[in-house]
Protein backbone atom coordinates (compact mmCIF):
# COMPACT_ATOMS: atom_id res chain seq x y z
CA MET A 1 29.64 9.38 8.51
CA ARG A 2 26.53 7.32 9.19
CA LYS A 3 25.60 9.40 12.23
CA THR A 4 25.94 12.59 10.17
CA LYS A 5 23.66 11.21 7.47
CA MET A 6 21.04 10.22 10.03
CA MET A 7 21.14 13.65 11.65
CA LEU A 8 20.86 15.34 8.27
CA LEU A 9 17.92 13.13 7.34
CA GLY A 10 16.23 13.93 10.65
CA VAL A 11 16.59 17.68 10.11
CA LEU A 12 15.32 17.34 6.56
CA LEU A 13 12.25 15.40 7.64
CA ALA A 14 11.52 17.82 10.48
CA THR A 15 11.56 20.84 8.18
CA ALA A 16 9.67 19.07 5.38
CA GLY A 17 6.82 18.15 7.73
CA ALA A 18 6.27 21.77 8.73
CA SER A 19 6.05 22.93 5.13
CA TRP A 20 3.34 20.41 4.16
CA THR A 21 0.85 21.13 6.97
CA ALA A 22 -2.58 22.24 5.80
CA THR A 23 -3.99 25.61 6.77
CA ALA A 24 -7.44 26.01 8.29
CA ALA A 25 -8.72 27.62 5.10
CA GLY A 26 -7.39 24.71 3.07
CA ILE A 27 -9.21 22.13 5.20
CA ASP A 28 -12.54 23.98 4.98
CA GLN A 29 -12.80 23.35 1.26
CA TYR A 30 -13.09 19.60 1.96
CA ALA A 31 -15.76 19.94 4.66
CA LEU A 32 -19.11 18.36 3.87
CA LYS A 33 -21.61 21.13 3.10
CA GLU A 34 -24.29 19.25 1.18
CA PHE A 35 -25.11 15.78 -0.04
CA THR A 36 -27.50 14.10 -2.46
CA ALA A 37 -29.74 11.18 -1.53
CA ASP A 38 -32.46 9.70 -3.74
CA PHE A 39 -31.93 12.50 -6.30
CA THR A 40 -32.72 15.14 -3.62
CA GLN A 41 -30.07 17.61 -2.54
CA PHE A 42 -29.78 18.26 1.20
CA HIS A 43 -27.70 20.81 3.10
CA ILE A 44 -26.24 20.29 6.56
CA GLY A 45 -28.92 21.16 9.13
CA ASP A 46 -31.93 20.31 6.93
CA THR A 47 -34.64 18.10 8.37
CA VAL A 48 -35.20 15.01 6.26
CA PRO A 49 -38.74 13.71 5.79
CA ALA A 50 -39.27 10.20 7.14
């Protein structure tokens, strides 16, 4: 009985992990595109004055 429960739990965890993976489009929404420093908004690739 214990071995059956462990196998069932293993199958459940294996299938649950595949359903919760993030897509590439989902990750892009969290990518840093701009930031604010000293009340000035900068975009990635801007040159910052020294």
